[in-house]
Amino acid sequence: MTGSHIDRMVVHMKTTLNIDDSVMKRLREEAARRGTTMSELVEAGLRLVLEREPEWQHELPPLPSWDGGRARVDLASRSALHDFMEER
């Protein structure tokens, strides 16, 4: 098989999904209205969801920052940290 032939090959997998009864009823009705199968409609819907850029991948606003002032104690010094904590 050539590479181009493999690219055009479509593989289908049979699977079981648990779908709410009300959604299944709407799926059946919509598939009939469109003259397509429920499988084709579900696959088309899944493709839409999977191809869409997730909302969380949009650029996030910068995190807030503030000036907390200078360090009140040298955290690398155990005795300085202990002395500071004892002053409370």
PDB file of N, CA and C in Angstrom:
ATOM      1  N   MET A   1       0.831  -1.185   0.000  1.00  0.00           N
ATOM      2  CA  MET A   1       0.000   0.000   0.000  1.00  0.00           C
ATOM      3  C   MET A   1       0.871   1.243   0.000  1.00  0.00           C
ATOM      4  N   THR A   2       0.483   2.191  -0.780  1.00  0.00           N
ATOM      5  CA  THR A   2       1.231   3.440  -0.811  1.00  0.00           C
ATOM      6  C   THR A   2       0.794   4.315   0.342  1.00  0.00           C
ATOM      7  N   GLY A   3       1.601   5.294   0.670  1.00  0.00           N
ATOM      8  CA  GLY A   3       1.276   6.205   1.759  1.00  0.00           C
ATOM      9  C   GLY A   3      -0.031   6.934   1.539  1.00  0.00           C
ATOM     10  N   SER A   4      -0.299   7.335   0.279  1.00  0.00           N
ATOM     11  CA  SER A   4      -1.537   8.058   0.000  1.00  0.00           C
ATOM     12  C   SER A   4      -2.753   7.157   0.167  1.00  0.00           C
ATOM     13  N   HIS A   5      -2.597   5.869  -0.145  1.00  0.00           N
ATOM     14  CA  HIS A   5      -3.714   4.942   0.015  1.00  0.00           C
ATOM     15  C   HIS A   5      -4.039   4.762   1.504  1.00  0.00           C
ATOM     16  N   ILE A   6      -3.031   4.673   2.332  1.00  0.00           N
ATOM     17  CA  ILE A   6      -3.230   4.512   3.769  1.00  0.00           C
ATOM     18  C   ILE A   6      -3.913   5.745   4.346  1.00  0.00           C
ATOM     19  N   ASP A   7      -3.553   6.930   3.871  1.00  0.00           N
ATOM     20  CA  ASP A   7      -4.157   8.160   4.369  1.00  0.00           C
ATOM     21  C   ASP A   7      -5.666   8.174   4.134  1.00  0.00           C
ATOM     22  N   ARG A   8      -6.134   7.536   3.074  1.00  0.00           N
ATOM     23  CA  ARG A   8      -7.557   7.554   2.745  1.00  0.00           C
ATOM     24  C   ARG A   8      -8.319   6.428   3.430  1.00  0.00           C
ATOM     25  N   MET A   9      -7.623   5.514   4.080  1.00  0.00           N
ATOM     26  CA  MET A   9      -8.260   4.398   4.737  1.00  0.00           C
ATOM     27  C   MET A   9      -8.972   4.867   6.008  1.00  0.00           C
ATOM     28  N   VAL A  10     -10.217   4.474   6.189  1.00  0.00           N
ATOM     29  CA  VAL A  10     -10.985   4.864   7.365  1.00  0.00           C
ATOM     30  C   VAL A  10     -11.219   3.631   8.215  1.00  0.00           C
ATOM     31  N   VAL A  11     -10.944   3.737   9.488  1.00  0.00           N
ATOM     32  CA  VAL A  11     -11.142   2.628  10.406  1.00  0.00           C
ATOM     33  C   VAL A  11     -12.240   3.020  11.384  1.00  0.00           C
ATOM     34  N   HIS A  12     -13.201   2.148  11.572  1.00  0.00           N
ATOM     35  CA  HIS A  12     -14.287   2.396  12.512  1.00  0.00           C
ATOM     36  C   HIS A  12     -14.160   1.432  13.675  1.00  0.00           C
ATOM     37  N   MET A  13     -14.475   1.918  14.857  1.00  0.00           N
ATOM     38  CA  MET A  13     -14.434   1.081  16.045  1.00  0.00           C
ATOM     39  C   MET A  13     -15.829   1.051  16.652  1.00  0.00           C
ATOM     40  N   LYS A  14     -16.304  -0.107  16.954  1.00  0.00           N
ATOM     41  CA  LYS A  14     -17.598  -0.244  17.605  1.00  0.00           C
ATOM     42  C   LYS A  14     -17.372  -0.097  19.103  1.00  0.00           C
ATOM     43  N   THR A  15     -18.238   0.683  19.760  1.00  0.00           N
ATOM     44  CA  THR A  15     -18.080   0.909  21.187  1.00  0.00           C
ATOM     45  C   THR A  15     -19.444   1.050  21.835  1.00  0.00           C
ATOM     46  N   THR A  16     -19.468   1.067  23.137  1.00  0.00           N
ATOM     47  CA  THR A  16     -20.703   1.247  23.896  1.00  0.00           C
ATOM     48  C   THR A  16     -20.598   2.529  24.691  1.00  0.00           C
ATOM     49  N   LEU A  17     -21.637   3.342  24.614  1.00  0.00           N
ATOM     50  CA  LEU A  17     -21.687   4.589  25.375  1.00  0.00           C
ATOM     51  C   LEU A  17     -22.945   4.590  26.231  1.00  0.00           C
ATOM     52  N   ASN A  18     -22.859   5.160  27.415  1.00  0.00           N
ATOM     53  CA  ASN A  18     -24.035   5.354  28.255  1.00  0.00           C
ATOM     54  C   ASN A  18     -24.530   6.770  28.023  1.00  0.00           C
ATOM     55  N   ILE A  19     -25.724   6.896  27.453  1.00  0.00           N
ATOM     56  CA  ILE A  19     -26.285   8.189  27.098  1.00  0.00           C
ATOM     57  C   ILE A  19     -27.633   8.345  27.790  1.00  0.00           C
ATOM     58  N   ASP A  20     -27.840   9.480  28.417  1.00  0.00           N
ATOM     59  CA  ASP A  20     -29.095   9.786  29.093  1.00  0.00           C
ATOM     60  C   ASP A  20     -30.278   9.561  28.148  1.00  0.00           C
ATOM     61  N   ASP A  21     -31.368   9.018  28.678  1.00  0.00           N
ATOM     62  CA  ASP A  21     -32.539   8.700  27.851  1.00  0.00           C
ATOM     63  C   ASP A  21     -33.074   9.902  27.083  1.00  0.00           C
ATOM     64  N   SER A  22     -33.110  11.065  27.729  1.00  0.00           N
ATOM     65  CA  SER A  22     -33.650  12.251  27.051  1.00  0.00           C
ATOM     66  C   SER A  22     -32.726  12.688  25.908  1.00  0.00           C
ATOM     67  N   VAL A  23     -31.418  12.545  26.096  1.00  0.00           N
ATOM     68  CA  VAL A  23     -30.462  12.894  25.036  1.00  0.00           C
ATOM     69  C   VAL A  23     -30.585  11.878  23.901  1.00  0.00           C
ATOM     70  N   MET A  24     -30.753  10.620  24.249  1.00  0.00           N
ATOM     71  CA  MET A  24     -30.878   9.574  23.230  1.00  0.00           C
ATOM     72  C   MET A  24     -32.125   9.803  22.388  1.00  0.00           C
ATOM     73  N   LYS A  25     -33.212  10.211  23.017  1.00  0.00           N
ATOM     74  CA  LYS A  25     -34.452  10.490  22.285  1.00  0.00           C
ATOM     75  C   LYS A  25     -34.231  11.630  21.292  1.00  0.00           C
ATOM     76  N   ARG A  26     -33.563  12.685  21.752  1.00  0.00           N
ATOM     77  CA  ARG A  26     -33.283  13.829  20.873  1.00  0.00           C
ATOM     78  C   ARG A  26     -32.342  13.432  19.742  1.00  0.00           C
ATOM     79  N   LEU A  27     -31.365  12.574  20.058  1.00  0.00           N
ATOM     80  CA  LEU A  27     -30.429  12.092  19.043  1.00  0.00           C
ATOM     81  C   LEU A  27     -31.173  11.330  17.958  1.00  0.00           C
ATOM     82  N   ARG A  28     -32.053  10.423  18.374  1.00  0.00           N
ATOM     83  CA  ARG A  28     -32.840   9.649  17.420  1.00  0.00           C
ATOM     84  C   ARG A  28     -33.671  10.562  16.514  1.00  0.00           C
ATOM     85  N   GLU A  29     -34.342  11.531  17.146  1.00  0.00           N
ATOM     86  CA  GLU A  29     -35.186  12.465  16.394  1.00  0.00           C
ATOM     87  C   GLU A  29     -34.366  13.308  15.416  1.00  0.00           C
ATOM     88  N   GLU A  30     -33.216  13.802  15.886  1.00  0.00           N
ATOM     89  CA  GLU A  30     -32.370  14.655  15.028  1.00  0.00           C
ATOM     90  C   GLU A  30     -31.782  13.866  13.874  1.00  0.00           C
ATOM     91  N   ALA A  31     -31.367  12.636  14.135  1.00  0.00           N
ATOM     92  CA  ALA A  31     -30.827  11.796  13.063  1.00  0.00           C
ATOM     93  C   ALA A  31     -31.902  11.539  12.009  1.00  0.00           C
ATOM     94  N   ALA A  32     -33.116  11.264  12.449  1.00  0.00           N
ATOM     95  CA  ALA A  32     -34.217  11.028  11.507  1.00  0.00           C
ATOM     96  C   ALA A  32     -34.516  12.302  10.720  1.00  0.00           C
ATOM     97  N   ARG A  33     -34.542  13.436  11.406  1.00  0.00           N
ATOM     98  CA  ARG A  33     -34.824  14.711  10.744  1.00  0.00           C
ATOM     99  C   ARG A  33     -33.789  15.012   9.666  1.00  0.00           C
ATOM    100  N   ARG A  34     -32.514  14.684   9.960  1.00  0.00           N
ATOM    101  CA  ARG A  34     -31.431  14.967   9.010  1.00  0.00           C
ATOM    102  C   ARG A  34     -31.248  13.861   7.977  1.00  0.00           C
ATOM    103  N   GLY A  35     -31.919  12.753   8.186  1.00  0.00           N
ATOM    104  CA  GLY A  35     -31.761  11.630   7.255  1.00  0.00           C
ATOM    105  C   GLY A  35     -30.393  10.987   7.353  1.00  0.00           C
ATOM    106  N   THR A  36     -29.877  10.876   8.563  1.00  0.00           N
ATOM    107  CA  THR A  36     -28.566  10.276   8.791  1.00  0.00           C
ATOM    108  C   THR A  36     -28.682   9.263   9.923  1.00  0.00           C
ATOM    109  N   THR A  37     -27.612   8.572  10.220  1.00  0.00           N
ATOM    110  CA  THR A  37     -27.644   7.609  11.324  1.00  0.00           C
ATOM    111  C   THR A  37     -27.253   8.304  12.622  1.00  0.00           C
ATOM    112  N   MET A  38     -27.645   7.690  13.722  1.00  0.00           N
ATOM    113  CA  MET A  38     -27.259   8.232  15.027  1.00  0.00           C
ATOM    114  C   MET A  38     -25.731   8.198  15.166  1.00  0.00           C
ATOM    115  N   SER A  39     -25.112   7.146  14.664  1.00  0.00           N
ATOM    116  CA  SER A  39     -23.647   7.035  14.745  1.00  0.00           C
ATOM    117  C   SER A  39     -22.962   8.187  14.022  1.00  0.00           C
ATOM    118  N   GLU A  40     -23.459   8.503  12.814  1.00  0.00           N
ATOM    119  CA  GLU A  40     -22.858   9.610  12.057  1.00  0.00           C
ATOM    120  C   GLU A  40     -23.045  10.935  12.773  1.00  0.00           C
ATOM    121  N   LEU A  41     -24.203  11.121  13.394  1.00  0.00           N
ATOM    122  CA  LEU A  41     -24.468  12.361  14.114  1.00  0.00           C
ATOM    123  C   LEU A  41     -23.593  12.472  15.361  1.00  0.00           C
ATOM    124  N   VAL A  42     -23.458  11.374  16.103  1.00  0.00           N
ATOM    125  CA  VAL A  42     -22.591  11.371  17.292  1.00  0.00           C
ATOM    126  C   VAL A  42     -21.143  11.642  16.888  1.00  0.00           C
ATOM    127  N   GLU A  43     -20.678  10.990  15.826  1.00  0.00           N
ATOM    128  CA  GLU A  43     -19.306  11.204  15.360  1.00  0.00           C
ATOM    129  C   GLU A  43     -19.079  12.655  14.951  1.00  0.00           C
ATOM    130  N   ALA A  44     -20.052  13.248  14.252  1.00  0.00           N
ATOM    131  CA  ALA A  44     -19.927  14.647  13.838  1.00  0.00           C
ATOM    132  C   ALA A  44     -19.856  15.564  15.067  1.00  0.00           C
ATOM    133  N   GLY A  45     -20.678  15.274  16.068  1.00  0.00           N
ATOM    134  CA  GLY A  45     -20.651  16.070  17.297  1.00  0.00           C
ATOM    135  C   GLY A  45     -19.333  15.931  18.039  1.00  0.00           C
ATOM    136  N   LEU A  46     -18.821  14.728  18.115  1.00  0.00           N
ATOM    137  CA  LEU A  46     -17.536  14.502  18.776  1.00  0.00           C
ATOM    138  C   LEU A  46     -16.406  15.219  18.048  1.00  0.00           C
ATOM    139  N   ARG A  47     -16.448  15.187  16.722  1.00  0.00           N
ATOM    140  CA  ARG A  47     -15.420  15.894  15.944  1.00  0.00           C
ATOM    141  C   ARG A  47     -15.444  17.394  16.251  1.00  0.00           C
ATOM    142  N   LEU A  48     -16.643  17.962  16.344  1.00  0.00           N
ATOM    143  CA  LEU A  48     -16.753  19.393  16.672  1.00  0.00           C
ATOM    144  C   LEU A  48     -16.121  19.693  18.024  1.00  0.00           C
ATOM    145  N   VAL A  49     -16.425  18.867  19.003  1.00  0.00           N
ATOM    146  CA  VAL A  49     -15.897  19.079  20.350  1.00  0.00           C
ATOM    147  C   VAL A  49     -14.390  18.894  20.383  1.00  0.00           C
ATOM    148  N   LEU A  50     -13.890  17.852  19.731  1.00  0.00           N
ATOM    149  CA  LEU A  50     -12.463  17.537  19.787  1.00  0.00           C
ATOM    150  C   LEU A  50     -11.603  18.479  18.958  1.00  0.00           C
ATOM    151  N   GLU A  51     -12.167  19.074  17.910  1.00  0.00           N
ATOM    152  CA  GLU A  51     -11.382  19.971  17.059  1.00  0.00           C
ATOM    153  C   GLU A  51     -11.371  21.404  17.583  1.00  0.00           C
ATOM    154  N   ARG A  52     -12.303  21.722  18.454  1.00  0.00           N
ATOM    155  CA  ARG A  52     -12.382  23.066  19.006  1.00  0.00           C
ATOM    156  C   ARG A  52     -11.263  23.275  20.036  1.00  0.00           C
ATOM    157  N   GLU A  53     -10.714  24.460  20.051  1.00  0.00           N
ATOM    158  CA  GLU A  53      -9.664  24.777  21.018  1.00  0.00           C
ATOM    159  C   GLU A  53     -10.316  24.878  22.396  1.00  0.00           C
ATOM    160  N   PRO A  54      -9.809  24.132  23.362  1.00  0.00           N
ATOM    161  CA  PRO A  54     -10.386  24.196  24.702  1.00  0.00           C
ATOM    162  C   PRO A  54     -10.340  25.624  25.247  1.00  0.00           C
ATOM    163  N   GLU A  55     -11.390  25.987  25.993  1.00  0.00           N
ATOM    164  CA  GLU A  55     -11.470  27.340  26.539  1.00  0.00           C
ATOM    165  C   GLU A  55     -10.273  27.658  27.432  1.00  0.00           C
ATOM    166  N   TRP A  56      -9.777  26.649  28.155  1.00  0.00           N
ATOM    167  CA  TRP A  56      -8.683  26.907  29.078  1.00  0.00           C
ATOM    168  C   TRP A  56      -7.369  27.182  28.362  1.00  0.00           C
ATOM    169  N   GLN A  57      -7.309  26.949  27.052  1.00  0.00           N
ATOM    170  CA  GLN A  57      -6.079  27.218  26.316  1.00  0.00           C
ATOM    171  C   GLN A  57      -6.004  28.655  25.827  1.00  0.00           C
ATOM    172  N   HIS A  58      -7.069  29.410  26.018  1.00  0.00           N
ATOM    173  CA  HIS A  58      -7.006  30.813  25.643  1.00  0.00           C
ATOM    174  C   HIS A  58      -6.035  31.514  26.595  1.00  0.00           C
ATOM    175  N   GLU A  59      -5.497  32.614  26.144  1.00  0.00           N
ATOM    176  CA  GLU A  59      -4.530  33.322  26.971  1.00  0.00           C
ATOM    177  C   GLU A  59      -5.183  33.780  28.265  1.00  0.00           C
ATOM    178  N   LEU A  60      -4.541  33.463  29.355  1.00  0.00           N
ATOM    179  CA  LEU A  60      -5.058  33.840  30.667  1.00  0.00           C
ATOM    180  C   LEU A  60      -4.603  35.247  31.028  1.00  0.00           C
ATOM    181  N   PRO A  61      -5.403  35.955  31.800  1.00  0.00           N
ATOM    182  CA  PRO A  61      -4.966  37.278  32.236  1.00  0.00           C
ATOM    183  C   PRO A  61      -3.774  37.131  33.180  1.00  0.00           C
ATOM    184  N   PRO A  62      -2.955  38.159  33.274  1.00  0.00           N
ATOM    185  CA  PRO A  62      -1.791  38.047  34.160  1.00  0.00           C
ATOM    186  C   PRO A  62      -2.230  37.901  35.616  1.00  0.00           C
ATOM    187  N   LEU A  63      -1.438  37.180  36.372  1.00  0.00           N
ATOM    188  CA  LEU A  63      -1.725  37.025  37.793  1.00  0.00           C
ATOM    189  C   LEU A  63      -1.462  38.350  38.513  1.00  0.00           C
ATOM    190  N   PRO A  64      -2.236  38.631  39.547  1.00  0.00           N
ATOM    191  CA  PRO A  64      -2.000  39.879  40.285  1.00  0.00           C
ATOM    192  C   PRO A  64      -0.656  39.810  41.013  1.00  0.00           C
ATOM    193  N   SER A  65      -0.041  40.945  41.189  1.00  0.00           N
ATOM    194  CA  SER A  65       1.213  40.993  41.939  1.00  0.00           C
ATOM    195  C   SER A  65       1.170  42.220  42.842  1.00  0.00           C
ATOM    196  N   TRP A  66       1.972  42.218  43.859  1.00  0.00           N
ATOM    197  CA  TRP A  66       2.023  43.341  44.780  1.00  0.00           C
ATOM    198  C   TRP A  66       3.390  43.361  45.435  1.00  0.00           C
ATOM    199  N   ASP A  67       3.703  44.493  46.003  1.00  0.00           N
ATOM    200  CA  ASP A  67       4.972  44.659  46.700  1.00  0.00           C
ATOM    201  C   ASP A  67       4.731  44.321  48.163  1.00  0.00           C
ATOM    202  N   GLY A  68       5.307  43.240  48.599  1.00  0.00           N
ATOM    203  CA  GLY A  68       5.135  42.810  49.986  1.00  0.00           C
ATOM    204  C   GLY A  68       6.157  43.443  50.919  1.00  0.00           C
ATOM    205  N   GLY A  69       6.941  44.367  50.405  1.00  0.00           N
ATOM    206  CA  GLY A  69       7.969  44.985  51.240  1.00  0.00           C
ATOM    207  C   GLY A  69       9.197  44.106  51.327  1.00  0.00           C
ATOM    208  N   ARG A  70      10.128  44.522  52.146  1.00  0.00           N
ATOM    209  CA  ARG A  70      11.369  43.747  52.281  1.00  0.00           C
ATOM    210  C   ARG A  70      11.133  42.541  53.181  1.00  0.00           C
ATOM    211  N   ALA A  71      12.010  41.557  53.077  1.00  0.00           N
ATOM    212  CA  ALA A  71      11.910  40.368  53.914  1.00  0.00           C
ATOM    213  C   ALA A  71      12.118  40.762  55.371  1.00  0.00           C
ATOM    214  N   ARG A  72      11.308  40.211  56.242  1.00  0.00           N
ATOM    215  CA  ARG A  72      11.402  40.541  57.665  1.00  0.00           C
ATOM    216  C   ARG A  72      12.363  39.623  58.400  1.00  0.00           C
ATOM    217  N   VAL A  73      12.722  38.509  57.752  1.00  0.00           N
ATOM    218  CA  VAL A  73      13.643  37.572  58.379  1.00  0.00           C
ATOM    219  C   VAL A  73      14.352  36.787  57.282  1.00  0.00           C
ATOM    220  N   ASP A  74      15.554  36.362  57.551  1.00  0.00           N
ATOM    221  CA  ASP A  74      16.314  35.529  56.617  1.00  0.00           C
ATOM    222  C   ASP A  74      15.872  34.080  56.823  1.00  0.00           C
ATOM    223  N   LEU A  75      15.098  33.546  55.881  1.00  0.00           N
ATOM    224  CA  LEU A  75      14.572  32.197  56.016  1.00  0.00           C
ATOM    225  C   LEU A  75      15.660  31.132  55.972  1.00  0.00           C
ATOM    226  N   ALA A  76      16.829  31.487  55.469  1.00  0.00           N
ATOM    227  CA  ALA A  76      17.934  30.537  55.416  1.00  0.00           C
ATOM    228  C   ALA A  76      18.599  30.393  56.782  1.00  0.00           C
ATOM    229  N   SER A  77      18.282  31.296  57.680  1.00  0.00           N
ATOM    230  CA  SER A  77      18.885  31.254  59.015  1.00  0.00           C
ATOM    231  C   SER A  77      17.858  30.732  60.011  1.00  0.00           C
ATOM    232  N   ARG A  78      18.090  29.519  60.487  1.00  0.00           N
ATOM    233  CA  ARG A  78      17.156  28.904  61.434  1.00  0.00           C
ATOM    234  C   ARG A  78      17.047  29.732  62.716  1.00  0.00           C
ATOM    235  N   SER A  79      18.160  30.219  63.211  1.00  0.00           N
ATOM    236  CA  SER A  79      18.119  30.989  64.461  1.00  0.00           C
ATOM    237  C   SER A  79      17.387  32.322  64.256  1.00  0.00           C
ATOM    238  N   ALA A  80      17.591  32.987  63.116  1.00  0.00           N
ATOM    239  CA  ALA A  80      16.895  34.243  62.847  1.00  0.00           C
ATOM    240  C   ALA A  80      15.391  33.996  62.733  1.00  0.00           C
ATOM    241  N   LEU A  81      15.002  32.911  62.099  1.00  0.00           N
ATOM    242  CA  LEU A  81      13.589  32.572  61.964  1.00  0.00           C
ATOM    243  C   LEU A  81      12.988  32.277  63.336  1.00  0.00           C
ATOM    244  N   HIS A  82      13.713  31.519  64.157  1.00  0.00           N
ATOM    245  CA  HIS A  82      13.239  31.200  65.493  1.00  0.00           C
ATOM    246  C   HIS A  82      13.081  32.471  66.339  1.00  0.00           C
ATOM    247  N   ASP A  83      14.076  33.340  66.277  1.00  0.00           N
ATOM    248  CA  ASP A  83      13.996  34.594  67.037  1.00  0.00           C
ATOM    249  C   ASP A  83      12.798  35.418  66.591  1.00  0.00           C
ATOM    250  N   PHE A  84      12.570  35.496  65.287  1.00  0.00           N
ATOM    251  CA  PHE A  84      11.445  36.276  64.765  1.00  0.00           C
ATOM    252  C   PHE A  84      10.120  35.702  65.236  1.00  0.00           C
ATOM    253  N   MET A  85      10.009  34.370  65.219  1.00  0.00           N
ATOM    254  CA  MET A  85       8.760  33.729  65.631  1.00  0.00           C
ATOM    255  C   MET A  85       8.520  33.899  67.118  1.00  0.00           C
ATOM    256  N   GLU A  86       9.549  33.948  67.914  1.00  0.00           N
ATOM    257  CA  GLU A  86       9.419  34.112  69.362  1.00  0.00           C
ATOM    258  C   GLU A  86       8.970  35.529  69.728  1.00  0.00           C
ATOM    259  N   GLU A  87       9.224  36.505  68.855  1.00  0.00           N
ATOM    260  CA  GLU A  87       8.860  37.894  69.132  1.00  0.00           C
ATOM    261  C   GLU A  87       7.367  38.137  68.964  1.00  0.00           C
ATOM    262  N   ARG A  88       6.648  37.224  68.362  1.00  0.00           N
ATOM    263  CA  ARG A  88       5.217  37.450  68.120  1.00  0.00           C
ATOM    264  C   ARG A  88       4.465  37.568  69.386  1.00  0.00           C
TER     265      ARG A  88
END
